[in-house]
Amino acid sequence: MQSFEKLYKNLQKENRDLAHDLLNARKLNASLEKNEEFLMKQITSKELDFNKLHSYLAERRSDCHLKKPLIKTDRLEDLIVSNRDRDFQMQIQSNEKESKIKFLKLKLINYEQKM
């Protein structure tokens, strides 16, 4: 009979241990489900952020493609203006030199007449 009581006590202990293990497994499962829910929310949030950034990048690329011709036009216009300014400065310098040459020629003619 003692072995039956011993066996019964062992079975009760094993039953308690299994119940305790089951409770711990349920707690762990609940914790994992909570973590899964939290992680799913984070993933959804990150996906939304990614989609927003992707849209923003697409808009910037579109803007860039639209502005490229304008930038080229602006650069050409700047180059034309720069060349015109340079040509104008060269014309002024040329006119000044011509004036000096004329003045010097007149002086030379004046000196020759005096001689």
PDB file of N, CA and C in Angstrom:
ATOM      1  N   MET A   1       0.790  -1.175   0.000  1.00  0.00           N
ATOM      2  CA  MET A   1       0.000   0.000   0.000  1.00  0.00           C
ATOM      3  C   MET A   1       0.850   1.265   0.000  1.00  0.00           C
ATOM      4  N   GLN A   2       1.979   1.125   0.626  1.00  0.00           N
ATOM      5  CA  GLN A   2       2.848   2.295   0.665  1.00  0.00           C
ATOM      6  C   GLN A   2       3.296   2.676  -0.733  1.00  0.00           C
ATOM      7  N   SER A   3       3.561   1.717  -1.548  1.00  0.00           N
ATOM      8  CA  SER A   3       3.997   2.041  -2.890  1.00  0.00           C
ATOM      9  C   SER A   3       2.871   2.710  -3.676  1.00  0.00           C
ATOM     10  N   PHE A   4       1.588   2.304  -3.361  1.00  0.00           N
ATOM     11  CA  PHE A   4       0.471   2.959  -4.012  1.00  0.00           C
ATOM     12  C   PHE A   4       0.366   4.411  -3.574  1.00  0.00           C
ATOM     13  N   GLU A   5       0.544   4.663  -2.281  1.00  0.00           N
ATOM     14  CA  GLU A   5       0.511   6.026  -1.761  1.00  0.00           C
ATOM     15  C   GLU A   5       1.669   6.837  -2.326  1.00  0.00           C
ATOM     16  N   LYS A   6       2.795   6.194  -2.409  1.00  0.00           N
ATOM     17  CA  LYS A   6       3.974   6.858  -2.971  1.00  0.00           C
ATOM     18  C   LYS A   6       3.721   7.205  -4.439  1.00  0.00           C
ATOM     19  N   LEU A   7       3.171   6.247  -5.160  1.00  0.00           N
ATOM     20  CA  LEU A   7       2.861   6.461  -6.569  1.00  0.00           C
ATOM     21  C   LEU A   7       1.817   7.567  -6.720  1.00  0.00           C
ATOM     22  N   TYR A   8       0.808   7.553  -5.819  1.00  0.00           N
ATOM     23  CA  TYR A   8      -0.235   8.574  -5.845  1.00  0.00           C
ATOM     24  C   TYR A   8       0.357   9.961  -5.566  1.00  0.00           C
ATOM     25  N   LYS A   9       1.235  10.060  -4.579  1.00  0.00           N
ATOM     26  CA  LYS A   9       1.886  11.340  -4.245  1.00  0.00           C
ATOM     27  C   LYS A   9       2.762  11.810  -5.406  1.00  0.00           C
ATOM     28  N   ASN A  10       3.477  10.879  -6.012  1.00  0.00           N
ATOM     29  CA  ASN A  10       4.318  11.235  -7.161  1.00  0.00           C
ATOM     30  C   ASN A  10       3.466  11.749  -8.327  1.00  0.00           C
ATOM     31  N   LEU A  11       2.323  11.067  -8.538  1.00  0.00           N
ATOM     32  CA  LEU A  11       1.422  11.504  -9.603  1.00  0.00           C
ATOM     33  C   LEU A  11       0.827  12.883  -9.295  1.00  0.00           C
ATOM     34  N   GLN A  12       0.488  13.109  -8.029  1.00  0.00           N
ATOM     35  CA  GLN A  12      -0.033  14.424  -7.633  1.00  0.00           C
ATOM     36  C   GLN A  12       1.038  15.505  -7.842  1.00  0.00           C
ATOM     37  N   LYS A  13       2.268  15.191  -7.437  1.00  0.00           N
ATOM     38  CA  LYS A  13       3.369  16.154  -7.612  1.00  0.00           C
ATOM     39  C   LYS A  13       3.594  16.415  -9.099  1.00  0.00           C
ATOM     40  N   GLU A  14       3.577  15.333  -9.867  1.00  0.00           N
ATOM     41  CA  GLU A  14       3.776  15.481 -11.304  1.00  0.00           C
ATOM     42  C   GLU A  14       2.629  16.287 -11.915  1.00  0.00           C
ATOM     43  N   ASN A  15       1.423  16.051 -11.424  1.00  0.00           N
ATOM     44  CA  ASN A  15       0.261  16.797 -11.902  1.00  0.00           C
ATOM     45  C   ASN A  15       0.402  18.286 -11.569  1.00  0.00           C
ATOM     46  N   ARG A  16       0.840  18.583 -10.326  1.00  0.00           N
ATOM     47  CA  ARG A  16       1.070  19.982  -9.929  1.00  0.00           C
ATOM     48  C   ARG A  16       2.153  20.618 -10.793  1.00  0.00           C
ATOM     49  N   ASP A  17       3.232  19.858 -11.008  1.00  0.00           N
ATOM     50  CA  ASP A  17       4.331  20.366 -11.849  1.00  0.00           C
ATOM     51  C   ASP A  17       3.847  20.641 -13.276  1.00  0.00           C
ATOM     52  N   LEU A  18       3.040  19.712 -13.782  1.00  0.00           N
ATOM     53  CA  LEU A  18       2.507  19.908 -15.145  1.00  0.00           C
ATOM     54  C   LEU A  18       1.564  21.104 -15.191  1.00  0.00           C
ATOM     55  N   ALA A  19       0.750  21.264 -14.166  1.00  0.00           N
ATOM     56  CA  ALA A  19      -0.164  22.413 -14.100  1.00  0.00           C
ATOM     57  C   ALA A  19       0.640  23.710 -14.016  1.00  0.00           C
ATOM     58  N   HIS A  20       1.713  23.669 -13.224  1.00  0.00           N
ATOM     59  CA  HIS A  20       2.584  24.846 -13.105  1.00  0.00           C
ATOM     60  C   HIS A  20       3.256  25.145 -14.453  1.00  0.00           C
ATOM     61  N   ASP A  21       3.754  24.085 -15.106  1.00  0.00           N
ATOM     62  CA  ASP A  21       4.378  24.257 -16.422  1.00  0.00           C
ATOM     63  C   ASP A  21       3.374  24.795 -17.444  1.00  0.00           C
ATOM     64  N   LEU A  22       2.133  24.280 -17.364  1.00  0.00           N
ATOM     65  CA  LEU A  22       1.088  24.748 -18.270  1.00  0.00           C
ATOM     66  C   LEU A  22       0.789  26.221 -18.030  1.00  0.00           C
ATOM     67  N   LEU A  23       0.711  26.609 -16.761  1.00  0.00           N
ATOM     68  CA  LEU A  23       0.473  28.012 -16.427  1.00  0.00           C
ATOM     69  C   LEU A  23       1.608  28.889 -16.951  1.00  0.00           C
ATOM     70  N   ASN A  24       2.841  28.442 -16.743  1.00  0.00           N
ATOM     71  CA  ASN A  24       3.995  29.195 -17.246  1.00  0.00           C
ATOM     72  C   ASN A  24       3.975  29.287 -18.773  1.00  0.00           C
ATOM     73  N   ALA A  25       3.582  28.181 -19.444  1.00  0.00           N
ATOM     74  CA  ALA A  25       3.507  28.180 -20.903  1.00  0.00           C
ATOM     75  C   ALA A  25       2.441  29.161 -21.378  1.00  0.00           C
ATOM     76  N   ARG A  26       1.295  29.200 -20.659  1.00  0.00           N
ATOM     77  CA  ARG A  26       0.233  30.149 -21.017  1.00  0.00           C
ATOM     78  C   ARG A  26       0.699  31.594 -20.828  1.00  0.00           C
ATOM     79  N   LYS A  27       1.404  31.839 -19.716  1.00  0.00           N
ATOM     80  CA  LYS A  27       1.948  33.193 -19.486  1.00  0.00           C
ATOM     81  C   LYS A  27       2.934  33.568 -20.587  1.00  0.00           C
ATOM     82  N   LEU A  28       3.798  32.631 -20.924  1.00  0.00           N
ATOM     83  CA  LEU A  28       4.771  32.871 -21.981  1.00  0.00           C
ATOM     84  C   LEU A  28       4.068  33.120 -23.311  1.00  0.00           C
ATOM     85  N   ASN A  29       3.028  32.324 -23.597  1.00  0.00           N
ATOM     86  CA  ASN A  29       2.262  32.492 -24.830  1.00  0.00           C
ATOM     87  C   ASN A  29       1.605  33.872 -24.869  1.00  0.00           C
ATOM     88  N   ALA A  30       1.022  34.299 -23.741  1.00  0.00           N
ATOM     89  CA  ALA A  30       0.389  35.616 -23.669  1.00  0.00           C
ATOM     90  C   ALA A  30       1.426  36.716 -23.888  1.00  0.00           C
ATOM     91  N   SER A  31       2.581  36.537 -23.266  1.00  0.00           N
ATOM     92  CA  SER A  31       3.658  37.519 -23.431  1.00  0.00           C
ATOM     93  C   SER A  31       4.130  37.573 -24.884  1.00  0.00           C
ATOM     94  N   LEU A  32       4.289  36.414 -25.501  1.00  0.00           N
ATOM     95  CA  LEU A  32       4.726  36.369 -26.897  1.00  0.00           C
ATOM     96  C   LEU A  32       3.685  36.996 -27.826  1.00  0.00           C
ATOM     97  N   GLU A  33       2.408  36.752 -27.544  1.00  0.00           N
ATOM     98  CA  GLU A  33       1.352  37.361 -28.353  1.00  0.00           C
ATOM     99  C   GLU A  33       1.360  38.880 -28.211  1.00  0.00           C
ATOM    100  N   LYS A  34       1.593  39.349 -26.988  1.00  0.00           N
ATOM    101  CA  LYS A  34       1.664  40.794 -26.756  1.00  0.00           C
ATOM    102  C   LYS A  34       2.855  41.389 -27.521  1.00  0.00           C
ATOM    103  N   ASN A  35       4.007  40.697 -27.445  1.00  0.00           N
ATOM    104  CA  ASN A  35       5.199  41.160 -28.176  1.00  0.00           C
ATOM    105  C   ASN A  35       4.961  41.121 -29.679  1.00  0.00           C
ATOM    106  N   GLU A  36       4.275  40.073 -30.135  1.00  0.00           N
ATOM    107  CA  GLU A  36       3.977  39.975 -31.571  1.00  0.00           C
ATOM    108  C   GLU A  36       3.102  41.151 -32.015  1.00  0.00           C
ATOM    109  N   GLU A  37       2.091  41.469 -31.218  1.00  0.00           N
ATOM    110  CA  GLU A  37       1.209  42.589 -31.530  1.00  0.00           C
ATOM    111  C   GLU A  37       1.994  43.902 -31.580  1.00  0.00           C
ATOM    112  N   PHE A  38       2.866  44.092 -30.578  1.00  0.00           N
ATOM    113  CA  PHE A  38       3.695  45.295 -30.528  1.00  0.00           C
ATOM    114  C   PHE A  38       4.603  45.380 -31.764  1.00  0.00           C
ATOM    115  N   LEU A  39       5.237  44.253 -32.107  1.00  0.00           N
ATOM    116  CA  LEU A  39       6.134  44.226 -33.262  1.00  0.00           C
ATOM    117  C   LEU A  39       5.372  44.445 -34.570  1.00  0.00           C
ATOM    118  N   MET A  40       4.176  43.910 -34.663  1.00  0.00           N
ATOM    119  CA  MET A  40       3.364  44.123 -35.865  1.00  0.00           C
ATOM    120  C   MET A  40       3.002  45.601 -36.018  1.00  0.00           C
ATOM    121  N   LYS A  41       2.691  46.256 -34.899  1.00  0.00           N
ATOM    122  CA  LYS A  41       2.412  47.695 -34.942  1.00  0.00           C
ATOM    123  C   LYS A  41       3.644  48.458 -35.402  1.00  0.00           C
ATOM    124  N   GLN A  42       4.799  48.069 -34.883  1.00  0.00           N
ATOM    125  CA  GLN A  42       6.044  48.738 -35.298  1.00  0.00           C
ATOM    126  C   GLN A  42       6.310  48.513 -36.779  1.00  0.00           C
ATOM    127  N   ILE A  43       6.100  47.306 -37.253  1.00  0.00           N
ATOM    128  CA  ILE A  43       6.316  47.007 -38.668  1.00  0.00           C
ATOM    129  C   ILE A  43       5.376  47.849 -39.523  1.00  0.00           C
ATOM    130  N   THR A  44       4.118  47.923 -39.119  1.00  0.00           N
ATOM    131  CA  THR A  44       3.147  48.727 -39.861  1.00  0.00           C
ATOM    132  C   THR A  44       3.562  50.190 -39.877  1.00  0.00           C
ATOM    133  N   SER A  45       4.010  50.683 -38.739  1.00  0.00           N
ATOM    134  CA  SER A  45       4.469  52.070 -38.650  1.00  0.00           C
ATOM    135  C   SER A  45       5.672  52.311 -39.566  1.00  0.00           C
ATOM    136  N   LYS A  46       6.613  51.375 -39.544  1.00  0.00           N
ATOM    137  CA  LYS A  46       7.811  51.513 -40.384  1.00  0.00           C
ATOM    138  C   LYS A  46       7.444  51.433 -41.864  1.00  0.00           C
ATOM    139  N   GLU A  47       6.483  50.570 -42.197  1.00  0.00           N
ATOM    140  CA  GLU A  47       6.044  50.474 -43.585  1.00  0.00           C
ATOM    141  C   GLU A  47       5.405  51.786 -44.042  1.00  0.00           C
ATOM    142  N   LEU A  48       4.610  52.396 -43.162  1.00  0.00           N
ATOM    143  CA  LEU A  48       4.008  53.692 -43.490  1.00  0.00           C
ATOM    144  C   LEU A  48       5.088  54.752 -43.696  1.00  0.00           C
ATOM    145  N   ASP A  49       6.071  54.764 -42.796  1.00  0.00           N
ATOM    146  CA  ASP A  49       7.180  55.709 -42.936  1.00  0.00           C
ATOM    147  C   ASP A  49       7.929  55.470 -44.242  1.00  0.00           C
ATOM    148  N   PHE A  50       8.168  54.204 -44.553  1.00  0.00           N
ATOM    149  CA  PHE A  50       8.867  53.857 -45.789  1.00  0.00           C
ATOM    150  C   PHE A  50       8.080  54.340 -46.997  1.00  0.00           C
ATOM    151  N   ASN A  51       6.768  54.104 -46.988  1.00  0.00           N
ATOM    152  CA  ASN A  51       5.934  54.538 -48.113  1.00  0.00           C
ATOM    153  C   ASN A  51       5.928  56.054 -48.251  1.00  0.00           C
ATOM    154  N   LYS A  52       5.890  56.759 -47.126  1.00  0.00           N
ATOM    155  CA  LYS A  52       5.947  58.224 -47.172  1.00  0.00           C
ATOM    156  C   LYS A  52       7.274  58.687 -47.771  1.00  0.00           C
ATOM    157  N   LEU A  53       8.369  58.096 -47.305  1.00  0.00           N
ATOM    158  CA  LEU A  53       9.687  58.470 -47.828  1.00  0.00           C
ATOM    159  C   LEU A  53       9.812  58.124 -49.310  1.00  0.00           C
ATOM    160  N   HIS A  54       9.254  56.984 -49.689  1.00  0.00           N
ATOM    161  CA  HIS A  54       9.287  56.575 -51.095  1.00  0.00           C
ATOM    162  C   HIS A  54       8.512  57.578 -51.954  1.00  0.00           C
ATOM    163  N   SER A  55       7.355  58.007 -51.475  1.00  0.00           N
ATOM    164  CA  SER A  55       6.559  59.011 -52.202  1.00  0.00           C
ATOM    165  C   SER A  55       7.311  60.336 -52.288  1.00  0.00           C
ATOM    166  N   TYR A  56       7.908  60.741 -51.179  1.00  0.00           N
ATOM    167  CA  TYR A  56       8.671  61.989 -51.153  1.00  0.00           C
ATOM    168  C   TYR A  56       9.829  61.931 -52.149  1.00  0.00           C
ATOM    169  N   LEU A  57      10.532  60.799 -52.157  1.00  0.00           N
ATOM    170  CA  LEU A  57      11.645  60.630 -53.082  1.00  0.00           C
ATOM    171  C   LEU A  57      11.158  60.672 -54.529  1.00  0.00           C
ATOM    172  N   ALA A  58      10.032  60.043 -54.800  1.00  0.00           N
ATOM    173  CA  ALA A  58       9.475  60.062 -56.159  1.00  0.00           C
ATOM    174  C   ALA A  58       9.120  61.494 -56.574  1.00  0.00           C
ATOM    175  N   GLU A  59       8.561  62.268 -55.649  1.00  0.00           N
ATOM    176  CA  GLU A  59       8.245  63.677 -55.942  1.00  0.00           C
ATOM    177  C   GLU A  59       9.513  64.472 -56.230  1.00  0.00           C
ATOM    178  N   ARG A  60      10.554  64.265 -55.412  1.00  0.00           N
ATOM    179  CA  ARG A  60      11.808  64.997 -55.623  1.00  0.00           C
ATOM    180  C   ARG A  60      12.420  64.630 -56.973  1.00  0.00           C
ATOM    181  N   ARG A  61      12.369  63.335 -57.336  1.00  0.00           N
ATOM    182  CA  ARG A  61      12.910  62.918 -58.629  1.00  0.00           C
ATOM    183  C   ARG A  61      12.128  63.569 -59.763  1.00  0.00           C
ATOM    184  N   SER A  62      10.822  63.603 -59.606  1.00  0.00           N
ATOM    185  CA  SER A  62       9.977  64.227 -60.624  1.00  0.00           C
ATOM    186  C   SER A  62      10.316  65.712 -60.756  1.00  0.00           C
ATOM    187  N   ASP A  63      10.442  66.386 -59.613  1.00  0.00           N
ATOM    188  CA  ASP A  63      10.823  67.800 -59.625  1.00  0.00           C
ATOM    189  C   ASP A  63      12.171  67.992 -60.315  1.00  0.00           C
ATOM    190  N   CYS A  64      13.088  67.103 -60.011  1.00  0.00           N
ATOM    191  CA  CYS A  64      14.432  67.192 -60.587  1.00  0.00           C
ATOM    192  C   CYS A  64      14.372  67.054 -62.104  1.00  0.00           C
ATOM    193  N   HIS A  65      13.598  66.088 -62.584  1.00  0.00           N
ATOM    194  CA  HIS A  65      13.489  65.887 -64.030  1.00  0.00           C
ATOM    195  C   HIS A  65      12.831  67.099 -64.697  1.00  0.00           C
ATOM    196  N   LEU A  66      11.881  67.710 -63.994  1.00  0.00           N
ATOM    197  CA  LEU A  66      11.222  68.887 -64.555  1.00  0.00           C
ATOM    198  C   LEU A  66      12.147  70.099 -64.563  1.00  0.00           C
ATOM    199  N   LYS A  67      13.029  70.177 -63.582  1.00  0.00           N
ATOM    200  CA  LYS A  67      13.881  71.356 -63.449  1.00  0.00           C
ATOM    201  C   LYS A  67      15.168  71.268 -64.265  1.00  0.00           C
ATOM    202  N   LYS A  68      15.530  70.075 -64.694  1.00  0.00           N
ATOM    203  CA  LYS A  68      16.770  69.936 -65.459  1.00  0.00           C
ATOM    204  C   LYS A  68      16.794  70.838 -66.688  1.00  0.00           C
ATOM    205  N   PRO A  69      15.739  70.847 -67.504  1.00  0.00           N
ATOM    206  CA  PRO A  69      15.766  71.755 -68.668  1.00  0.00           C
ATOM    207  C   PRO A  69      15.850  73.217 -68.256  1.00  0.00           C
ATOM    208  N   LEU A  70      15.174  73.563 -67.157  1.00  0.00           N
ATOM    209  CA  LEU A  70      15.231  74.948 -66.691  1.00  0.00           C
ATOM    210  C   LEU A  70      16.640  75.314 -66.247  1.00  0.00           C
ATOM    211  N   ILE A  71      17.292  74.383 -65.565  1.00  0.00           N
ATOM    212  CA  ILE A  71      18.658  74.631 -65.099  1.00  0.00           C
ATOM    213  C   ILE A  71      19.583  74.804 -66.296  1.00  0.00           C
ATOM    214  N   LYS A  72      19.416  73.941 -67.297  1.00  0.00           N
ATOM    215  CA  LYS A  72      20.248  74.062 -68.494  1.00  0.00           C
ATOM    216  C   LYS A  72      19.996  75.399 -69.171  1.00  0.00           C
ATOM    217  N   THR A  73      18.720  75.787 -69.255  1.00  0.00           N
ATOM    218  CA  THR A  73      18.371  77.076 -69.863  1.00  0.00           C
ATOM    219  C   THR A  73      18.979  78.219 -69.066  1.00  0.00           C
ATOM    220  N   ASP A  74      18.869  78.148 -67.752  1.00  0.00           N
ATOM    221  CA  ASP A  74      19.457  79.188 -66.896  1.00  0.00           C
ATOM    222  C   ASP A  74      20.962  79.265 -67.103  1.00  0.00           C
ATOM    223  N   ARG A  75      21.608  78.128 -67.190  1.00  0.00           N
ATOM    224  CA  ARG A  75      23.062  78.124 -67.394  1.00  0.00           C
ATOM    225  C   ARG A  75      23.417  78.720 -68.745  1.00  0.00           C
ATOM    226  N   LEU A  76      22.629  78.374 -69.750  1.00  0.00           N
ATOM    227  CA  LEU A  76      22.883  78.953 -71.079  1.00  0.00           C
ATOM    228  C   LEU A  76      22.666  80.459 -71.053  1.00  0.00           C
ATOM    229  N   GLU A  77      21.593  80.878 -70.400  1.00  0.00           N
ATOM    230  CA  GLU A  77      21.333  82.315 -70.299  1.00  0.00           C
ATOM    231  C   GLU A  77      22.466  83.014 -69.552  1.00  0.00           C
ATOM    232  N   ASP A  78      22.930  82.413 -68.472  1.00  0.00           N
ATOM    233  CA  ASP A  78      24.053  82.987 -67.721  1.00  0.00           C
ATOM    234  C   ASP A  78      25.302  83.068 -68.598  1.00  0.00           C
ATOM    235  N   LEU A  79      25.540  82.036 -69.368  1.00  0.00           N
ATOM    236  CA  LEU A  79      26.693  82.016 -70.259  1.00  0.00           C
ATOM    237  C   LEU A  79      26.572  83.101 -71.321  1.00  0.00           C
ATOM    238  N   ILE A  80      25.390  83.249 -71.877  1.00  0.00           N
ATOM    239  CA  ILE A  80      25.163  84.288 -72.895  1.00  0.00           C
ATOM    240  C   ILE A  80      25.379  85.666 -72.291  1.00  0.00           C
ATOM    241  N   VAL A  81      24.810  85.885 -71.107  1.00  0.00           N
ATOM    242  CA  VAL A  81      24.982  87.186 -70.441  1.00  0.00           C
ATOM    243  C   VAL A  81      26.452  87.439 -70.157  1.00  0.00           C
ATOM    244  N   SER A  82      27.138  86.415 -69.673  1.00  0.00           N
ATOM    245  CA  SER A  82      28.561  86.546 -69.376  1.00  0.00           C
ATOM    246  C   SER A  82      29.348  86.885 -70.647  1.00  0.00           C
ATOM    247  N   ASN A  83      29.047  86.195 -71.730  1.00  0.00           N
ATOM    248  CA  ASN A  83      29.737  86.476 -72.995  1.00  0.00           C
ATOM    249  C   ASN A  83      29.428  87.883 -73.496  1.00  0.00           C
ATOM    250  N   ARG A  84      28.193  88.307 -73.368  1.00  0.00           N
ATOM    251  CA  ARG A  84      27.825  89.675 -73.786  1.00  0.00           C
ATOM    252  C   ARG A  84      28.581  90.713 -72.963  1.00  0.00           C
ATOM    253  N   ASP A  85      28.654  90.469 -71.655  1.00  0.00           N
ATOM    254  CA  ASP A  85      29.391  91.394 -70.787  1.00  0.00           C
ATOM    255  C   ASP A  85      30.863  91.448 -71.193  1.00  0.00           C
ATOM    256  N   ARG A  86      31.436  90.297 -71.439  1.00  0.00           N
ATOM    257  CA  ARG A  86      32.834  90.231 -71.840  1.00  0.00           C
ATOM    258  C   ARG A  86      33.041  90.936 -73.184  1.00  0.00           C
ATOM    259  N   ASP A  87      32.139  90.688 -74.121  1.00  0.00           N
ATOM    260  CA  ASP A  87      32.228  91.363 -75.425  1.00  0.00           C
ATOM    261  C   ASP A  87      32.091  92.876 -75.274  1.00  0.00           C
ATOM    262  N   PHE A  88      31.174  93.285 -74.408  1.00  0.00           N
ATOM    263  CA  PHE A  88      30.981  94.719 -74.186  1.00  0.00           C
ATOM    264  C   PHE A  88      32.244  95.346 -73.593  1.00  0.00           C
ATOM    265  N   GLN A  89      32.840  94.661 -72.611  1.00  0.00           N
ATOM    266  CA  GLN A  89      34.078  95.163 -72.010  1.00  0.00           C
ATOM    267  C   GLN A  89      35.207  95.227 -73.044  1.00  0.00           C
ATOM    268  N   MET A  90      35.273  94.217 -73.887  1.00  0.00           N
ATOM    269  CA  MET A  90      36.307  94.221 -74.923  1.00  0.00           C
ATOM    270  C   MET A  90      36.060  95.362 -75.916  1.00  0.00           C
ATOM    271  N   GLN A  91      34.796  95.627 -76.238  1.00  0.00           N
ATOM    272  CA  GLN A  91      34.464  96.732 -77.140  1.00  0.00           C
ATOM    273  C   GLN A  91      34.861  98.068 -76.518  1.00  0.00           C
ATOM    274  N   ILE A  92      34.593  98.213 -75.237  1.00  0.00           N
ATOM    275  CA  ILE A  92      34.989  99.455 -74.540  1.00  0.00           C
ATOM    276  C   ILE A  92      36.502  99.620 -74.577  1.00  0.00           C
ATOM    277  N   GLN A  93      37.214  98.537 -74.275  1.00  0.00           N
ATOM    278  CA  GLN A  93      38.679  98.598 -74.295  1.00  0.00           C
ATOM    279  C   GLN A  93      39.180  98.923 -75.701  1.00  0.00           C
ATOM    280  N   SER A  94      38.561  98.312 -76.691  1.00  0.00           N
ATOM    281  CA  SER A  94      38.959  98.565 -78.072  1.00  0.00           C
ATOM    282  C   SER A  94      38.716 100.028 -78.435  1.00  0.00           C
ATOM    283  N   ASN A  95      37.573 100.551 -78.042  1.00  0.00           N
ATOM    284  CA  ASN A  95      37.261 101.963 -78.314  1.00  0.00           C
ATOM    285  C   ASN A  95      38.251 102.895 -77.610  1.00  0.00           C
ATOM    286  N   GLU A  96      38.592 102.535 -76.386  1.00  0.00           N
ATOM    287  CA  GLU A  96      39.572 103.357 -75.654  1.00  0.00           C
ATOM    288  C   GLU A  96      40.923 103.338 -76.370  1.00  0.00           C
ATOM    289  N   LYS A  97      41.345 102.165 -76.817  1.00  0.00           N
ATOM    290  CA  LYS A  97      42.627 102.068 -77.520  1.00  0.00           C
ATOM    291  C   LYS A  97      42.589 102.833 -78.838  1.00  0.00           C
ATOM    292  N   GLU A  98      41.472 102.723 -79.537  1.00  0.00           N
ATOM    293  CA  GLU A  98      41.347 103.469 -80.796  1.00  0.00           C
ATOM    294  C   GLU A  98      41.414 104.977 -80.531  1.00  0.00           C
ATOM    295  N   SER A  99      40.762 105.392 -79.464  1.00  0.00           N
ATOM    296  CA  SER A  99      40.796 106.816 -79.111  1.00  0.00           C
ATOM    297  C   SER A  99      42.218 107.251 -78.784  1.00  0.00           C
ATOM    298  N   LYS A 100      42.948 106.439 -78.049  1.00  0.00           N
ATOM    299  CA  LYS A 100      44.334 106.765 -77.723  1.00  0.00           C
ATOM    300  C   LYS A 100      45.179 106.821 -78.989  1.00  0.00           C
ATOM    301  N   ILE A 101      44.944 105.853 -79.875  1.00  0.00           N
ATOM    302  CA  ILE A 101      45.711 105.836 -81.135  1.00  0.00           C
ATOM    303  C   ILE A 101      45.417 107.104 -81.929  1.00  0.00           C
ATOM    304  N   LYS A 102      44.151 107.473 -82.034  1.00  0.00           N
ATOM    305  CA  LYS A 102      43.783 108.695 -82.762  1.00  0.00           C
ATOM    306  C   LYS A 102      44.420 109.920 -82.121  1.00  0.00           C
ATOM    307  N   PHE A 103      44.370 109.928 -80.787  1.00  0.00           N
ATOM    308  CA  PHE A 103      44.960 111.056 -80.078  1.00  0.00           C
ATOM    309  C   PHE A 103      46.466 111.136 -80.339  1.00  0.00           C
ATOM    310  N   LEU A 104      47.133 109.996 -80.274  1.00  0.00           N
ATOM    311  CA  LEU A 104      48.572 109.962 -80.510  1.00  0.00           C
ATOM    312  C   LEU A 104      48.901 110.326 -81.963  1.00  0.00           C
ATOM    313  N   LYS A 105      48.074 109.894 -82.897  1.00  0.00           N
ATOM    314  CA  LYS A 105      48.290 110.255 -84.300  1.00  0.00           C
ATOM    315  C   LYS A 105      48.170 111.761 -84.483  1.00  0.00           C
ATOM    316  N   LEU A 106      47.161 112.340 -83.833  1.00  0.00           N
ATOM    317  CA  LEU A 106      46.982 113.794 -83.920  1.00  0.00           C
ATOM    318  C   LEU A 106      48.178 114.526 -83.321  1.00  0.00           C
ATOM    319  N   LYS A 107      48.669 113.999 -82.214  1.00  0.00           N
ATOM    320  CA  LYS A 107      49.855 114.606 -81.594  1.00  0.00           C
ATOM    321  C   LYS A 107      51.045 114.499 -82.518  1.00  0.00           C
ATOM    322  N   LEU A 108      51.184 113.354 -83.131  1.00  0.00           N
ATOM    323  CA  LEU A 108      52.292 113.130 -84.049  1.00  0.00           C
ATOM    324  C   LEU A 108      52.197 114.085 -85.239  1.00  0.00           C
ATOM    325  N   ILE A 109      51.009 114.213 -85.771  1.00  0.00           N
ATOM    326  CA  ILE A 109      50.823 115.164 -86.900  1.00  0.00           C
ATOM    327  C   ILE A 109      51.131 116.570 -86.450  1.00  0.00           C
ATOM    328  N   ASN A 110      50.738 116.902 -85.261  1.00  0.00           N
ATOM    329  CA  ASN A 110      51.029 118.229 -84.692  1.00  0.00           C
ATOM    330  C   ASN A 110      52.509 118.463 -84.559  1.00  0.00           C
ATOM    331  N   TYR A 111      53.232 117.480 -84.053  1.00  0.00           N
ATOM    332  CA  TYR A 111      54.685 117.608 -83.908  1.00  0.00           C
ATOM    333  C   TYR A 111      55.378 117.714 -85.262  1.00  0.00           C
ATOM    334  N   GLU A 112      54.859 116.898 -86.200  1.00  0.00           N
ATOM    335  CA  GLU A 112      55.466 116.953 -87.544  1.00  0.00           C
ATOM    336  C   GLU A 112      55.263 118.313 -88.180  1.00  0.00           C
ATOM    337  N   GLN A 113      54.128 118.895 -87.930  1.00  0.00           N
ATOM    338  CA  GLN A 113      53.870 120.223 -88.514  1.00  0.00           C
ATOM    339  C   GLN A 113      54.752 121.282 -87.865  1.00  0.00           C
ATOM    340  N   LYS A 114      55.026 121.126 -86.629  1.00  0.00           N
ATOM    341  CA  LYS A 114      55.873 122.082 -85.936  1.00  0.00           C
ATOM    342  C   LYS A 114      57.318 121.961 -86.394  1.00  0.00           C
ATOM    343  N   MET A 115      57.685 120.850 -86.861  1.00  0.00           N
ATOM    344  CA  MET A 115      59.072 120.660 -87.260  1.00  0.00           C
ATOM    345  C   MET A 115      59.277 121.161 -88.604  1.00  0.00           C
TER     346      MET A 115
END
